[in-house]
C-alpha cells in the first residue's frame, strides 16, 4: 500500500529548493538579480517545470516508476500548492525583514560608536 506522506514530503522538498534559490538570490549588497544569472535562471526553469509536473500531472507512468510520488486528490494538490506559495511569501518576508533589521542595527551601532568613541564598524565589500 502506498502512503501519501512520502509523496507530499517529496513535493514540498522539491519546491523548497526553488523557494530558497529565489529568496536568497535577491537583494544587495552581495546578491545579484535573478535575470543576471542565466545558469541559475535555466536551472530554476527546469526545476519549476518538473515540480509543477509532479504536483499537477494526473496519474501516469512517471508516478508508477517513482514510488514516492502517488496520485493525490486535486483539492489536496491545490491546498499543497497554496502552502508552497505561502512558504515563498513567508521566506521572502523573513529574509527582507532580517536584512532590513541588520542594516538598521549596523546604522544604529555606527552612530553610537561614532558619538561615544569616534569609531565605526568596518563595511564589508562585495567579493
Protein backbone atom coordinates (compact mmCIF):
# COMPACT_ATOMS: atom_id res chain seq x y z
CA UNK A 1 0.00 0.00 0.00
CA UNK A 2 1.33 3.41 -0.96
CA UNK A 3 1.23 6.15 1.62
CA UNK A 4 0.78 9.83 0.66
CA UNK A 5 3.22 11.16 3.29
CA UNK A 6 6.30 10.30 1.24
CA UNK A 7 4.81 11.90 -1.88
CA UNK A 8 3.88 15.08 -0.06
CA UNK A 9 7.32 15.31 1.51
CA UNK A 10 8.94 14.80 -1.90
CA UNK A 11 6.83 17.56 -3.47
CA UNK A 12 7.50 20.00 -0.63
CA UNK A 13 11.25 19.29 -0.72
CA UNK A 14 11.36 19.89 -4.49
CA UNK A 15 9.54 23.21 -4.18
CA UNK A 16 11.71 24.20 -1.20
CA UNK A 17 14.79 24.13 -3.46
CA UNK A 18 13.15 26.65 -5.78
CA UNK A 19 11.95 28.84 -2.91
CA UNK A 20 15.40 29.00 -1.32
CA UNK A 21 17.05 29.84 -4.63
CA UNK A 22 14.55 32.64 -5.28
CA UNK A 23 14.65 34.12 -1.79
CA UNK A 24 18.41 34.07 -1.29
CA UNK A 25 19.26 35.32 -4.78
CA UNK A 26 17.78 38.81 -4.49
CA UNK A 27 19.00 41.91 -2.74
CA UNK A 28 22.07 43.96 -2.07
CA UNK A 29 24.95 44.14 -1.38
CA UNK A 30 26.17 40.61 -2.13
CA UNK A 31 23.38 39.08 -4.17
CA UNK A 32 22.52 39.98 -7.75
CA UNK A 33 19.20 39.92 -9.57
CA UNK A 34 17.93 36.62 -10.90
CA UNK A 35 17.95 37.83 -14.52
CA UNK A 36 21.72 38.42 -14.38
CA UNK A 37 22.47 34.74 -13.67
CA UNK A 38 21.44 32.80 -16.77
CA UNK A 39 22.58 29.41 -15.41
CA UNK A 40 20.51 29.77 -12.27
CA UNK A 41 17.55 31.01 -14.28
CA UNK A 42 17.81 27.96 -16.55
CA UNK A 43 18.05 25.52 -13.66
CA UNK A 44 15.12 27.18 -11.88
CA UNK A 45 13.04 26.93 -15.05
CA UNK A 46 13.75 23.20 -15.26
CA UNK A 47 13.00 22.73 -11.54
CA UNK A 48 9.73 24.68 -11.67
CA UNK A 49 8.67 22.70 -14.74
CA UNK A 50 9.49 19.39 -13.04
CA UNK A 51 7.89 20.39 -9.73
CA UNK A 52 4.73 21.57 -11.50
CA UNK A 53 4.53 18.34 -13.46
CA UNK A 54 4.94 16.22 -10.34
CA UNK A 55 2.31 18.25 -8.49
CA UNK A 56 -0.32 18.76 -11.18
CA UNK A 57 0.04 15.92 -13.71
CA UNK A 58 -2.60 13.23 -13.41
CA UNK A 59 -1.55 9.64 -12.67
CA UNK A 60 0.74 8.38 -15.41
CA UNK A 61 3.72 6.12 -15.99
CA UNK A 62 6.04 8.53 -14.13
CA UNK A 63 4.06 8.10 -10.94
CA UNK A 64 4.20 4.33 -11.31
CA UNK A 65 8.00 4.39 -11.71
CA UNK A 66 8.78 6.71 -8.78
CA UNK A 67 7.49 5.14 -5.57
CA UNK A 68 7.48 8.41 -3.60
CA UNK A 69 5.08 10.09 -6.00
CA UNK A 70 1.47 8.96 -5.82
CA UNK A 71 -1.70 10.39 -7.26
CA UNK A 72 -3.23 12.85 -4.78
CA UNK A 73 -6.74 14.30 -4.93
CA UNK A 74 -6.96 17.55 -6.91
CA UNK A 75 -8.19 19.64 -3.96
CA UNK A 76 -5.31 18.37 -1.83
CA UNK A 77 -2.84 19.29 -4.57
CA UNK A 78 -4.37 22.78 -4.74
CA UNK A 79 -4.04 23.18 -0.96
CA UNK A 80 -0.46 21.91 -1.15
CA UNK A 81 0.34 24.46 -3.84
CA UNK A 82 -1.23 27.16 -1.64
CA UNK A 83 1.11 26.10 1.17
CA UNK A 84 4.06 26.31 -1.21
CA UNK A 85 3.08 29.87 -2.18
CA UNK A 86 2.58 30.80 1.48
CA UNK A 87 6.04 29.37 2.22
CA UNK A 88 7.52 31.52 -0.56
CA UNK A 89 5.88 34.67 0.81
CA UNK A 90 6.90 33.86 4.40
CA UNK A 91 10.50 33.09 3.42
CA UNK A 92 10.83 36.25 1.34
CA UNK A 93 9.26 38.37 4.09
CA UNK A 94 11.53 36.86 6.73
CA UNK A 95 14.63 37.45 4.59
CA UNK A 96 13.58 41.01 3.81
CA UNK A 97 12.86 41.73 7.49
CA UNK A 98 16.15 40.28 8.73
CA UNK A 99 18.12 42.11 6.04
CA UNK A 100 16.50 45.44 6.88
CA UNK A 101 16.91 44.86 10.63
CA UNK A 102 20.59 44.05 10.05
CA UNK A 103 21.08 47.27 8.10
CA UNK A 104 19.25 49.31 10.72
CA UNK A 105 21.21 47.72 13.55
CA UNK A 106 24.50 48.44 11.77
CA UNK A 107 23.47 52.06 11.30
CA UNK A 108 22.50 52.43 14.97
CA UNK A 109 25.74 50.81 16.16
CA UNK A 110 27.80 53.10 13.91
CA UNK A 111 26.01 56.16 15.27
CA UNK A 112 26.63 55.06 18.86
CA UNK A 113 30.27 54.19 18.23
CA UNK A 114 31.00 57.43 16.41
CA UNK A 115 29.24 59.50 19.05
CA UNK A 116 30.90 57.90 22.07
CA UNK A 117 34.29 56.87 20.82
CA UNK A 118 34.88 58.08 17.30
CA UNK A 119 34.83 54.52 15.94
CA UNK A 120 32.92 52.95 13.07
CA UNK A 121 32.14 49.38 12.09
CA UNK A 122 34.10 48.21 9.08
CA UNK A 123 31.94 47.82 5.98
CA UNK A 124 32.25 44.53 4.18
CA UNK A 125 32.83 44.87 0.47
CA UNK A 126 31.16 42.58 -2.10
CA UNK A 127 33.51 39.90 -3.37
